[in-house]
N, C-alpha and C. Protein backbone atom coordinates (compact mmCIF):
# COMPACT_ATOMS: atom_id res chain seq x y z
N UNK A 1 51.07 -52.14 290.79
CA UNK A 1 50.62 -52.77 290.45
C UNK A 1 50.85 -54.31 289.41
N UNK A 2 51.55 -53.12 288.42
CA UNK A 2 51.33 -54.49 287.24
C UNK A 2 53.43 -54.80 286.94
N UNK A 3 53.45 -54.11 287.93
CA UNK A 3 55.28 -54.95 287.64
C UNK A 3 56.39 -54.28 286.21
N UNK A 4 56.96 -54.58 285.44
CA UNK A 4 57.65 -53.80 284.74
C UNK A 4 56.96 -53.41 284.35
N UNK A 5 55.46 -53.37 282.91
CA UNK A 5 54.93 -52.97 282.21
C UNK A 5 53.87 -52.03 282.78
N UNK A 6 52.97 -51.97 281.20
CA UNK A 6 52.53 -51.14 281.58
C UNK A 6 50.63 -51.39 280.99
N UNK A 7 49.72 -51.51 282.68
CA UNK A 7 48.20 -52.19 282.18
C UNK A 7 47.73 -51.77 281.69
N UNK A 8 47.00 -51.53 280.83
CA UNK A 8 45.48 -50.43 280.19
C UNK A 8 44.60 -51.48 279.75
N UNK A 9 43.53 -50.56 280.27
CA UNK A 9 42.63 -50.98 279.99
C UNK A 9 41.56 -49.95 279.42
N UNK A 10 40.45 -50.40 278.35
CA UNK A 10 39.32 -49.88 277.53
C UNK A 10 38.21 -50.36 278.20
N UNK A 11 36.86 -49.20 278.42
CA UNK A 11 35.58 -49.59 278.92
C UNK A 11 35.19 -48.85 278.48
N UNK A 12 33.55 -49.29 278.55
CA UNK A 12 32.90 -48.04 278.09
C UNK A 12 31.39 -49.06 277.45
N UNK A 13 30.06 -48.79 277.32
CA UNK A 13 28.91 -49.32 277.32
C UNK A 13 29.56 -50.37 275.74
N UNK A 14 28.67 -51.00 275.40
CA UNK A 14 28.33 -52.32 274.10
C UNK A 14 28.43 -50.52 272.75
N UNK A 15 29.34 -50.81 271.68
CA UNK A 15 29.09 -49.79 270.26
C UNK A 15 29.54 -48.64 270.19
N UNK A 16 30.27 -48.70 271.92
CA UNK A 16 31.07 -47.13 271.61
C UNK A 16 32.51 -46.96 271.10
N UNK A 17 32.72 -48.21 270.48
CA UNK A 17 33.89 -47.86 270.01
C UNK A 17 35.07 -48.21 270.48
N UNK A 18 35.18 -48.48 272.05
CA UNK A 18 36.06 -49.06 272.86
C UNK A 18 37.77 -50.47 272.24
N UNK A 19 36.38 -51.47 270.67
CA UNK A 19 37.61 -52.32 270.82
C UNK A 19 38.51 -51.93 269.92
N UNK A 20 37.57 -50.85 268.77
CA UNK A 20 38.10 -50.49 267.66
C UNK A 20 39.61 -49.86 268.48
N UNK A 21 39.30 -48.92 269.31
CA UNK A 21 40.40 -47.72 269.85
C UNK A 21 41.40 -48.98 270.28
N UNK A 22 41.03 -49.88 271.15
CA UNK A 22 42.39 -50.83 271.87
C UNK A 22 43.01 -51.32 270.36
N UNK A 23 42.71 -51.81 268.90
CA UNK A 23 43.28 -52.15 268.38
C UNK A 23 44.09 -51.00 267.72
N UNK A 24 43.40 -49.87 267.26
CA UNK A 24 44.15 -48.69 266.76
C UNK A 24 45.67 -48.36 268.04
N UNK A 25 44.81 -48.58 269.25
CA UNK A 25 46.58 -48.25 270.17
C UNK A 25 48.01 -49.00 270.02
N UNK A 26 46.62 -50.38 269.90
CA UNK A 26 48.09 -51.78 270.16
C UNK A 26 48.79 -50.94 268.33
N UNK A 27 47.93 -51.31 267.25
CA UNK A 27 49.30 -50.98 266.47
C UNK A 27 49.88 -49.47 266.45
N UNK A 28 49.37 -48.22 266.89
CA UNK A 28 50.03 -47.04 267.03
C UNK A 28 51.32 -47.23 268.25
N UNK A 29 51.21 -47.97 269.04
CA UNK A 29 52.39 -48.52 269.85
C UNK A 29 53.27 -49.26 268.87
N UNK A 30 52.88 -50.25 268.39
CA UNK A 30 53.37 -50.60 268.15
C UNK A 30 54.47 -49.94 266.71
N UNK A 31 53.70 -49.63 266.24
CA UNK A 31 54.83 -48.54 264.97
C UNK A 31 55.42 -47.69 265.72
N UNK A 32 55.82 -47.43 267.21
CA UNK A 32 56.83 -46.79 267.96
C UNK A 32 57.90 -47.54 267.97
N UNK A 33 57.67 -49.11 267.87
CA UNK A 33 58.28 -49.73 268.99
C UNK A 33 58.50 -50.15 270.16
N UNK A 34 56.77 -49.88 270.39
CA UNK A 34 57.06 -50.49 271.67
C UNK A 34 56.38 -52.02 271.81
N UNK A 35 56.65 -52.61 272.36
CA UNK A 35 56.73 -54.08 273.16
C UNK A 35 55.19 -53.94 272.91
N UNK A 36 54.21 -54.48 273.08
CA UNK A 36 52.92 -54.73 273.59
C UNK A 36 52.12 -56.19 273.20
N UNK A 37 50.53 -56.36 273.77
CA UNK A 37 49.84 -57.69 273.87
C UNK A 37 48.27 -56.84 273.95
N UNK A 38 47.92 -56.80 272.31
CA UNK A 38 46.52 -56.78 272.94
C UNK A 38 45.74 -58.19 273.27
N UNK A 39 44.37 -57.44 274.00
CA UNK A 39 43.46 -59.22 275.10
C UNK A 39 42.25 -58.37 275.15
N UNK A 40 41.42 -59.80 275.74
CA UNK A 40 39.40 -58.71 275.69
C UNK A 40 39.50 -59.92 276.65
N UNK A 41 38.29 -59.04 277.60
CA UNK A 41 37.85 -59.99 278.57
C UNK A 41 35.97 -59.90 278.29
N UNK A 42 35.37 -60.72 278.46
CA UNK A 42 36.26 -61.59 279.11
C UNK A 42 36.23 -62.86 277.61
N UNK A 43 37.83 -63.57 278.00
CA UNK A 43 38.40 -64.03 277.37
C UNK A 43 39.68 -63.46 277.14
N UNK A 44 40.50 -64.57 276.53
CA UNK A 44 42.12 -63.26 276.28
C UNK A 44 43.34 -64.93 276.76
N UNK A 45 42.76 -65.84 277.33
CA UNK A 45 43.14 -67.54 277.93
C UNK A 45 42.42 -68.76 276.81
N UNK A 46 43.10 -69.52 276.66
CA UNK A 46 41.88 -70.71 276.00
C UNK A 46 41.20 -70.97 277.56
N UNK A 47 41.34 -71.15 278.38
CA UNK A 47 39.95 -71.35 279.18
C UNK A 47 38.90 -70.10 279.08
N UNK A 48 39.96 -68.67 279.10
CA UNK A 48 38.26 -68.35 279.55
C UNK A 48 37.71 -67.46 278.40
N UNK A 49 38.27 -67.68 277.07
CA UNK A 49 37.45 -67.72 275.58
C UNK A 49 36.70 -68.86 275.73
N UNK A 50 36.44 -70.04 276.22
CA UNK A 50 35.16 -70.98 276.77
C UNK A 50 34.17 -70.92 277.51
N UNK A 51 34.49 -69.60 278.79
CA UNK A 51 33.65 -69.09 279.62
C UNK A 51 33.22 -67.99 278.77
N UNK A 52 33.78 -67.06 277.87
CA UNK A 52 33.28 -65.97 277.10
C UNK A 52 32.24 -66.81 276.15
N UNK A 53 31.91 -67.44 275.66
CA UNK A 53 30.75 -68.00 274.96
C UNK A 53 29.98 -68.46 275.95
N UNK A 54 29.73 -68.90 276.37
CA UNK A 54 28.90 -68.91 277.98
C UNK A 54 28.29 -67.74 278.41
N UNK A 55 28.82 -66.92 278.29
CA UNK A 55 28.43 -65.82 278.78
C UNK A 55 27.92 -64.57 277.71
N UNK A 56 28.09 -64.57 277.04
CA UNK A 56 27.83 -63.61 275.79
C UNK A 56 26.88 -64.41 274.62
N UNK A 57 26.51 -65.65 274.35
CA UNK A 57 25.76 -66.49 273.74
C UNK A 57 25.05 -66.52 274.09
N UNK A 58 23.08 -67.09 273.44
CA UNK A 58 21.86 -67.38 274.30
C UNK A 58 21.36 -66.19 274.78
N UNK A 59 20.02 -66.64 274.99
CA UNK A 59 18.67 -65.73 276.00
C UNK A 59 19.36 -65.21 276.54
N UNK A 60 19.04 -63.54 277.11
CA UNK A 60 19.26 -62.93 277.90
C UNK A 60 19.17 -62.95 279.54
N UNK A 61 18.09 -64.44 279.47
CA UNK A 61 18.16 -64.27 281.24
C UNK A 61 18.77 -65.99 280.81
N UNK A 62 19.50 -66.08 280.40
CA UNK A 62 19.72 -67.81 280.36
C UNK A 62 20.52 -67.91 281.90
N UNK A 63 21.04 -66.88 282.18
CA UNK A 63 21.88 -66.32 283.78
C UNK A 63 21.48 -66.52 284.70
N UNK A 64 21.70 -66.70 286.15
CA UNK A 64 21.35 -65.00 287.05
C UNK A 64 22.39 -64.25 286.63
N UNK A 65 22.25 -62.64 287.97
CA UNK A 65 23.95 -62.42 287.67
C UNK A 65 23.99 -62.80 288.70
N UNK A 66 24.50 -63.29 289.73
CA UNK A 66 25.17 -64.13 290.59
C UNK A 66 25.60 -65.31 289.58
N UNK A 67 25.38 -66.12 288.56
CA UNK A 67 26.37 -66.92 288.06
C UNK A 67 26.84 -66.34 287.38
N UNK A 68 26.71 -65.34 286.34
CA UNK A 68 27.28 -64.59 285.62
C UNK A 68 28.22 -63.94 286.59
N UNK A 69 28.45 -63.55 287.62
CA UNK A 69 29.14 -62.88 288.15
C UNK A 69 30.67 -64.36 288.58
N UNK A 70 30.02 -65.55 288.72
CA UNK A 70 31.14 -66.10 289.14
C UNK A 70 32.32 -66.79 287.96
N UNK A 71 31.05 -66.62 286.93
CA UNK A 71 31.60 -66.92 285.83
C UNK A 71 32.75 -66.19 284.64
N UNK A 72 32.44 -64.75 285.28
CA UNK A 72 33.64 -63.88 284.94
C UNK A 72 34.24 -63.90 286.01
N UNK A 73 34.59 -63.99 287.17
CA UNK A 73 35.48 -63.91 287.48
C UNK A 73 36.43 -65.13 287.11
N UNK A 74 36.41 -65.97 286.73
CA UNK A 74 36.76 -67.40 286.82
C UNK A 74 37.51 -67.16 285.85
N UNK A 75 37.27 -66.69 284.50
CA UNK A 75 37.56 -66.56 283.42
C UNK A 75 38.55 -65.01 283.22
N UNK A 76 38.20 -64.46 284.67
CA UNK A 76 39.29 -63.37 284.07
C UNK A 76 40.33 -63.22 285.84
N UNK A 77 40.60 -65.27 286.64
CA UNK A 77 41.60 -65.49 287.25
C UNK A 77 42.60 -65.66 286.01
N UNK A 78 41.93 -66.75 285.36
CA UNK A 78 42.45 -67.42 284.26
C UNK A 78 43.08 -66.35 283.25
N UNK A 79 41.99 -65.81 283.24
CA UNK A 79 43.11 -64.97 281.43
C UNK A 79 43.97 -63.41 282.65
N UNK A 80 44.32 -62.98 284.02
CA UNK A 80 45.38 -62.69 284.78
C UNK A 80 46.54 -64.07 284.69
N UNK A 81 46.73 -64.99 285.26
CA UNK A 81 47.53 -66.43 285.14
C UNK A 81 48.22 -66.28 284.38
N UNK A 82 47.35 -66.36 283.00
CA UNK A 82 47.89 -67.12 282.25
C UNK A 82 48.96 -66.01 280.34
N UNK A 83 47.80 -65.10 280.97
CA UNK A 83 48.21 -64.06 280.00
C UNK A 83 49.12 -62.91 280.66
N UNK A 84 48.25 -61.78 281.70
CA UNK A 84 48.74 -60.06 281.91
C UNK A 84 49.60 -60.34 282.31
N UNK A 85 49.38 -61.34 283.15
CA UNK A 85 50.80 -60.75 284.17
C UNK A 85 52.27 -61.55 283.56
N UNK A 86 52.29 -62.50 282.98
CA UNK A 86 53.33 -62.74 281.87
C UNK A 86 53.77 -61.61 281.10
N UNK A 87 52.66 -60.87 280.61
CA UNK A 87 52.74 -59.92 279.40
C UNK A 87 53.19 -59.02 280.48
N UNK A 88 52.82 -58.89 281.62
CA UNK A 88 53.52 -56.93 282.30
C UNK A 88 55.16 -57.67 282.33
N UNK A 89 55.12 -58.61 282.78
CA UNK A 89 56.81 -58.63 283.85
C UNK A 89 57.66 -58.77 282.28
N UNK A 90 57.49 -59.44 280.94
CA UNK A 90 58.04 -59.41 280.38
C UNK A 90 58.30 -57.86 279.82
N UNK A 91 57.72 -56.82 280.32
CA UNK A 91 57.73 -55.28 280.41
C UNK A 91 56.66 -54.59 279.53
N UNK A 92 55.20 -55.53 278.89
CA UNK A 92 55.16 -55.26 277.72
C UNK A 92 53.96 -54.22 278.10
N UNK A 93 53.33 -53.32 277.52
CA UNK A 93 52.13 -52.48 277.29
C UNK A 93 50.90 -53.34 277.52
N UNK A 94 49.92 -54.29 277.84
CA UNK A 94 48.68 -54.48 278.18
C UNK A 94 47.86 -53.80 277.89
N UNK A 95 47.69 -54.03 276.77
CA UNK A 95 45.70 -52.80 276.55
C UNK A 95 44.62 -54.65 276.02
N UNK A 96 43.90 -53.90 277.17
CA UNK A 96 42.78 -55.35 277.68
C UNK A 96 41.51 -54.60 277.28
N UNK A 97 41.01 -55.00 276.18
CA UNK A 97 39.40 -54.31 276.40
C UNK A 97 38.78 -54.66 277.04
N UNK A 98 37.92 -54.52 277.87
CA UNK A 98 37.22 -54.51 279.12
C UNK A 98 38.63 -55.05 280.43
N UNK A 99 38.20 -54.69 281.66
CA UNK A 99 38.23 -55.62 282.85
C UNK A 99 37.32 -56.03 284.12
N UNK A 100 37.96 -55.56 284.95
CA UNK A 100 37.02 -55.87 286.53
C UNK A 100 35.90 -54.73 286.34
N UNK A 101 36.15 -53.21 285.73
CA UNK A 101 35.27 -52.55 286.00
C UNK A 101 33.87 -52.75 284.89
N UNK A 102 34.19 -53.41 284.16
CA UNK A 102 32.69 -54.01 283.33
C UNK A 102 32.00 -55.17 284.43
N UNK A 103 32.60 -55.77 285.26
CA UNK A 103 31.68 -56.41 285.97
C UNK A 103 31.27 -55.72 287.08
N UNK A 104 31.62 -54.96 287.30
CA UNK A 104 31.08 -54.09 288.53
C UNK A 104 29.99 -53.24 287.84
N UNK A 105 29.86 -52.82 286.72
CA UNK A 105 28.25 -52.54 286.22
C UNK A 105 27.40 -53.13 285.98
N UNK A 106 28.18 -54.12 285.09
CA UNK A 106 27.23 -55.28 284.04
C UNK A 106 26.26 -55.98 285.12
N UNK A 107 27.91 -56.46 286.21
CA UNK A 107 26.91 -57.68 287.67
C UNK A 107 26.39 -56.98 288.66
N UNK A 108 27.26 -55.49 288.66
CA UNK A 108 27.40 -55.75 289.76
C UNK A 108 26.30 -54.16 289.98
N UNK A 109 25.59 -53.99 289.11
CA UNK A 109 24.72 -52.84 289.30
C UNK A 109 23.48 -52.96 287.77
N UNK A 110 23.93 -53.05 287.05
CA UNK A 110 22.35 -53.21 286.14
C UNK A 110 21.73 -54.30 286.56
N UNK A 111 22.20 -55.68 286.76
CA UNK A 111 21.38 -56.48 286.99
C UNK A 111 21.09 -57.22 288.15
N UNK A 112 21.04 -56.36 289.33
CA UNK A 112 20.71 -56.68 291.09
C UNK A 112 22.21 -55.83 291.51
N UNK A 113 21.42 -55.69 293.01
CA UNK A 113 22.40 -55.01 293.76
C UNK A 113 23.38 -55.59 294.63
N UNK A 114 24.72 -55.81 293.54
CA UNK A 114 25.81 -56.86 293.85
C UNK A 114 26.92 -56.28 293.64
N UNK A 115 26.81 -54.83 294.15
CA UNK A 115 27.98 -54.41 294.06
C UNK A 115 29.59 -54.02 294.73
N UNK A 116 28.42 -55.03 295.75
CA UNK A 116 29.63 -55.43 297.42
C UNK A 116 30.53 -56.81 297.00
N UNK A 117 28.80 -57.12 296.48
CA UNK A 117 29.69 -59.00 295.87
C UNK A 117 30.95 -59.28 295.65
N UNK A 118 30.34 -57.98 294.00
CA UNK A 118 31.90 -57.80 292.33
C UNK A 118 32.79 -57.58 293.54
N UNK A 119 32.72 -56.63 294.25
CA UNK A 119 34.00 -55.94 294.47
C UNK A 119 35.16 -56.91 296.03
N UNK A 120 34.45 -57.57 296.56
CA UNK A 120 34.69 -58.63 297.38
C UNK A 120 35.29 -59.56 296.88
N UNK A 121 34.47 -60.48 295.69
CA UNK A 121 35.49 -61.40 295.02
C UNK A 121 36.38 -61.02 294.58
N UNK A 122 36.59 -59.35 293.91
CA UNK A 122 37.29 -58.96 293.02
C UNK A 122 39.00 -59.36 293.71
N UNK A 123 38.48 -58.20 295.08
CA UNK A 123 39.46 -58.59 296.09
C UNK A 123 40.30 -59.55 296.74
N UNK A 124 39.64 -60.66 296.39
CA UNK A 124 39.67 -62.07 297.09
C UNK A 124 40.42 -63.16 295.73
N UNK A 125 40.17 -62.72 294.65
CA UNK A 125 40.24 -63.19 293.68
C UNK A 125 41.03 -62.69 292.36
N UNK A 126 41.45 -62.02 292.17
CA UNK A 126 41.75 -60.51 291.23
C UNK A 126 43.00 -59.71 292.24
N UNK A 127 42.52 -58.93 293.11
CA UNK A 127 43.83 -58.15 293.12
C UNK A 127 44.44 -57.16 292.65
N UNK A 128 43.89 -56.81 291.50
CA UNK A 128 44.49 -55.70 290.20
C UNK A 128 43.91 -55.51 290.00
N UNK A 129 44.39 -53.64 289.50
CA UNK A 129 43.88 -52.71 288.95
C UNK A 129 44.55 -52.53 287.95
N UNK A 130 43.93 -51.93 286.33
CA UNK A 130 45.11 -51.63 285.50
C UNK A 130 46.07 -50.98 286.12
N UNK A 131 46.86 -49.74 286.25
CA UNK A 131 47.78 -47.94 285.53
C UNK A 131 46.33 -47.85 284.84
N UNK A 132 46.26 -47.97 283.85
CA UNK A 132 44.75 -46.25 283.20
C UNK A 132 43.86 -47.25 282.31
N UNK A 133 42.62 -46.92 283.07
CA UNK A 133 41.60 -47.28 281.93
C UNK A 133 41.13 -45.88 281.10
N UNK A 134 40.70 -46.10 280.05
CA UNK A 134 39.96 -45.27 279.34
C UNK A 134 39.03 -45.43 279.28
N UNK A 135 37.82 -44.83 279.57
CA UNK A 135 36.62 -44.71 279.34
C UNK A 135 35.77 -44.27 277.42
N UNK A 136 35.73 -44.88 277.07
CA UNK A 136 35.14 -44.43 275.48
C UNK A 136 33.62 -43.83 275.85
N UNK A 137 33.67 -42.62 276.05
CA UNK A 137 32.18 -42.80 276.51
C UNK A 137 31.29 -41.69 275.35
N UNK A 138 30.11 -42.51 274.87
CA UNK A 138 29.31 -41.68 273.87
C UNK A 138 27.24 -42.37 274.33
N UNK A 139 26.19 -41.59 273.54
CA UNK A 139 25.23 -41.51 273.79
C UNK A 139 24.60 -42.84 273.76
N UNK A 140 24.05 -43.51 274.99
CA UNK A 140 23.90 -44.70 274.84
C UNK A 140 22.71 -45.27 273.87
N UNK A 141 21.55 -44.42 273.03
CA UNK A 141 21.43 -44.93 272.17
C UNK A 141 21.90 -45.42 270.54
N UNK A 142 22.57 -44.13 270.92
CA UNK A 142 24.25 -44.21 269.52
C UNK A 142 24.52 -45.29 269.25
N UNK A 143 25.17 -45.56 270.74
CA UNK A 143 26.02 -46.63 271.11
C UNK A 143 25.13 -48.17 270.48
N UNK A 144 24.38 -48.21 271.17
CA UNK A 144 23.50 -49.47 271.07
C UNK A 144 23.39 -49.40 269.52
N UNK A 145 23.07 -48.84 268.80
CA UNK A 145 22.92 -48.70 267.40
C UNK A 145 23.83 -49.18 266.62
N UNK A 146 24.80 -49.08 266.83
CA UNK A 146 25.82 -49.10 266.04
C UNK A 146 25.85 -50.77 266.41
N UNK A 147 26.39 -51.83 268.28
CA UNK A 147 26.28 -52.42 268.95
C UNK A 147 24.96 -53.42 267.45
N UNK A 148 24.35 -53.67 266.95
CA UNK A 148 23.29 -53.89 266.84
C UNK A 148 23.90 -54.16 264.98
N UNK A 149 24.21 -53.26 264.95
CA UNK A 149 24.57 -53.31 263.66
C UNK A 149 25.45 -54.64 263.18
N UNK A 150 26.23 -54.27 264.85
CA UNK A 150 27.42 -55.26 264.28
C UNK A 150 26.74 -57.15 263.81
N UNK A 151 25.54 -57.54 263.97
CA UNK A 151 24.81 -58.63 263.90
C UNK A 151 25.39 -60.06 264.29
N UNK A 152 26.08 -59.69 264.82
CA UNK A 152 27.08 -60.87 265.98
C UNK A 152 26.01 -61.75 266.62
N UNK A 153 26.63 -63.18 266.85
CA UNK A 153 25.88 -64.25 267.65
C UNK A 153 26.47 -63.67 269.41
N UNK A 154 27.06 -62.53 269.61
CA UNK A 154 27.68 -62.29 270.90
C UNK A 154 26.76 -60.88 271.65
N UNK A 155 25.40 -61.04 271.49
CA UNK A 155 24.72 -59.54 271.87
C UNK A 155 23.49 -60.05 272.40
N UNK A 156 24.02 -60.86 273.73
CA UNK A 156 22.84 -61.00 274.82
C UNK A 156 22.69 -59.98 275.50
N UNK A 157 23.58 -58.66 276.29
CA UNK A 157 23.72 -58.00 276.65
C UNK A 157 23.14 -56.75 276.21
N UNK A 158 23.35 -56.71 274.64
CA UNK A 158 23.00 -55.77 274.34
C UNK A 158 20.86 -56.11 273.84
N UNK A 159 20.43 -57.02 273.96
CA UNK A 159 19.19 -57.73 274.13
C UNK A 159 18.66 -56.72 274.82
N UNK A 160 18.90 -56.25 276.00
CA UNK A 160 18.83 -56.30 276.99
C UNK A 160 17.99 -54.56 276.90
N UNK A 161 18.38 -54.39 275.72
CA UNK A 161 18.06 -53.43 275.30
C UNK A 161 18.23 -51.64 275.88
N UNK A 162 18.47 -50.08 275.44
CA UNK A 162 18.27 -48.67 275.32
C UNK A 162 18.60 -48.30 276.48
N UNK A 163 17.89 -49.54 277.78
CA UNK A 163 17.44 -48.43 279.20
C UNK A 163 18.99 -49.23 279.91
N UNK A 164 19.83 -51.18 279.87
CA UNK A 164 20.30 -50.94 280.77
C UNK A 164 21.68 -50.47 279.82
N UNK A 165 21.16 -49.97 278.64
CA UNK A 165 23.10 -49.07 278.18
C UNK A 165 23.27 -48.15 278.69
N UNK A 166 22.00 -46.74 279.13
CA UNK A 166 22.15 -45.80 279.51
C UNK A 166 22.70 -46.50 280.57
N UNK A 167 21.91 -47.13 282.08
CA UNK A 167 22.02 -47.13 282.94
C UNK A 167 24.07 -47.17 283.47
N UNK A 168 23.64 -48.47 282.22
CA UNK A 168 25.68 -48.80 282.40
C UNK A 168 26.44 -47.59 281.56
N UNK A 169 26.29 -46.44 280.79
CA UNK A 169 26.55 -45.44 281.02
C UNK A 169 27.12 -44.37 282.45
N UNK A 170 25.56 -43.98 282.58
CA UNK A 170 25.53 -43.34 283.99
C UNK A 170 26.50 -44.04 285.37
N UNK A 171 26.53 -45.60 284.95
CA UNK A 171 27.47 -45.80 286.15
C UNK A 171 28.78 -46.06 285.95
N UNK A 172 29.30 -45.95 284.29
CA UNK A 172 31.01 -45.98 284.04
C UNK A 172 31.84 -44.49 284.60
N UNK A 173 30.10 -43.61 283.89
CA UNK A 173 31.19 -42.25 284.23
C UNK A 173 30.92 -42.01 285.88
N UNK A 174 30.09 -42.20 286.76
CA UNK A 174 30.82 -42.37 288.17
C UNK A 174 31.69 -43.46 288.29
N UNK A 175 32.03 -44.03 287.89
CA UNK A 175 33.30 -44.99 288.34
C UNK A 175 34.53 -44.01 287.59
N UNK A 176 33.93 -43.03 287.28
CA UNK A 176 35.74 -42.70 286.31
C UNK A 176 35.47 -41.09 287.29
N UNK A 177 34.81 -40.44 287.98
CA UNK A 177 34.92 -39.62 289.14
C UNK A 177 35.52 -40.33 290.70
N UNK A 178 34.38 -41.63 290.48
CA UNK A 178 35.05 -41.88 291.86
C UNK A 178 36.82 -42.44 291.82
N UNK A 179 37.39 -42.85 290.65
CA UNK A 179 38.34 -43.29 290.65
C UNK A 179 39.40 -41.98 289.17
N UNK A 180 39.37 -40.87 289.50
CA UNK A 180 40.18 -39.96 288.71
C UNK A 180 41.64 -40.03 288.19
N UNK A 181 42.38 -40.57 289.29
CA UNK A 181 43.94 -41.20 288.97
C UNK A 181 43.32 -42.06 287.99
N UNK A 182 43.15 -42.99 287.91
CA UNK A 182 43.32 -44.25 287.57
C UNK A 182 42.56 -43.85 285.84
N UNK A 183 41.47 -43.45 286.16
CA UNK A 183 39.97 -43.03 284.60
C UNK A 183 40.98 -41.59 283.57
N UNK A 184 41.11 -42.07 281.92
CA UNK A 184 40.83 -40.88 281.32
C UNK A 184 39.86 -41.08 280.36
N UNK A 185 38.15 -39.83 280.80
CA UNK A 185 37.02 -40.36 279.55
C UNK A 185 37.78 -40.11 278.26
N UNK A 186 37.23 -40.28 277.07
CA UNK A 186 37.88 -40.11 276.16
C UNK A 186 36.31 -40.00 275.56
N UNK A 187 35.56 -38.65 274.53
CA UNK A 187 34.20 -38.27 273.98
C UNK A 187 34.08 -39.57 272.77
N UNK A 188 33.87 -40.37 272.91
CA UNK A 188 33.43 -41.60 271.28
C UNK A 188 32.79 -40.81 270.40
N UNK A 189 32.18 -40.00 270.34
CA UNK A 189 30.40 -39.83 269.84
C UNK A 189 31.59 -39.04 268.50
N UNK A 190 32.91 -38.80 267.87
CA UNK A 190 33.21 -38.08 267.10
C UNK A 190 34.06 -39.22 266.28
N UNK A 191 34.68 -39.06 265.25
CA UNK A 191 35.20 -40.23 263.77
C UNK A 191 36.17 -41.11 264.88
N UNK A 192 36.60 -42.07 264.33
CA UNK A 192 37.77 -42.90 264.82
C UNK A 192 38.90 -42.36 264.97
N UNK A 193 38.95 -42.17 264.07
CA UNK A 193 40.77 -41.30 263.72
C UNK A 193 41.20 -40.08 265.26
N UNK A 194 39.96 -39.54 265.18
CA UNK A 194 40.02 -38.23 266.14
C UNK A 194 40.28 -38.71 267.07
N UNK A 195 39.64 -39.90 268.15
CA UNK A 195 38.92 -40.71 269.36
C UNK A 195 40.90 -40.84 269.47
N UNK A 196 41.35 -42.12 268.08
CA UNK A 196 42.45 -42.43 268.46
C UNK A 196 43.86 -41.57 268.91
N UNK A 197 43.44 -40.22 268.05
CA UNK A 197 45.01 -39.16 268.34
C UNK A 197 44.65 -39.24 269.96
N UNK A 198 43.60 -38.57 270.59
CA UNK A 198 43.65 -38.49 272.21
C UNK A 198 43.72 -39.58 272.72
N UNK A 199 43.03 -40.29 272.89
CA UNK A 199 44.27 -41.99 273.04
C UNK A 199 45.12 -42.22 273.15
N UNK A 200 45.95 -41.37 271.89
CA UNK A 200 47.24 -42.39 271.76
C UNK A 200 47.85 -40.40 272.70
N UNK A 201 47.32 -39.57 272.46
CA UNK A 201 48.30 -38.76 273.43
C UNK A 201 48.46 -38.63 274.58
N UNK A 202 47.28 -39.63 275.42
CA UNK A 202 47.13 -39.83 276.76
C UNK A 202 47.68 -40.84 277.05
N UNK A 203 48.69 -41.93 276.45
CA UNK A 203 48.95 -42.88 276.70
C UNK A 203 50.05 -42.50 276.82
N UNK A 204 50.85 -41.64 275.60
CA UNK A 204 52.06 -41.75 275.15
C UNK A 204 52.80 -40.46 276.61
N UNK A 205 51.47 -39.90 277.08
CA UNK A 205 51.86 -39.19 278.21
C UNK A 205 51.97 -39.49 279.45
N UNK A 206 51.96 -41.48 279.57
CA UNK A 206 51.66 -41.92 280.41
C UNK A 206 53.14 -43.01 280.66
N UNK A 207 53.51 -43.45 279.67
CA UNK A 207 55.03 -44.04 278.87
C UNK A 207 55.96 -42.60 278.98
């Protein structure tokens, strides 16, 4: 699906450390002379970054789950066209902080029973899965404490509380069980350098 390059995604609940691990992997691969592109969702292209501000800031009830689904899909489509596909065609390793699995969880499961609509819209408008997804897993209460400690203006989902984070953790682990050929579950409840070594070993084996 990813042409000449390798498409990697990082998933996990808020505060799990996935963004840190994505950055560390990007640097480790570059240090080995491997061409990479580090990107994120929502975002990763100018248009998608504008949508990011709409969905991650403001009151928790700013958007319905259905509206969020449409916004995230629009951002992902632009990101795919303008950033991900050109990098893969150039033979790069694309490292994406979140992709469609986050939408399956946040809009498809946690805020309403929309999973069928999420999957149908993904098939219609995106049609791509990562070659490998690294799920950084850790207890929901610890991850939420980390996330809130960042004190940024992008805490709309964190403000839903630990119940949502636990639901998300359970859902991500279920996704990993359902697609074992794609997912690699990494214990994120360790120091970042130890986690990073495990992540790098897994990715180098794929390369």
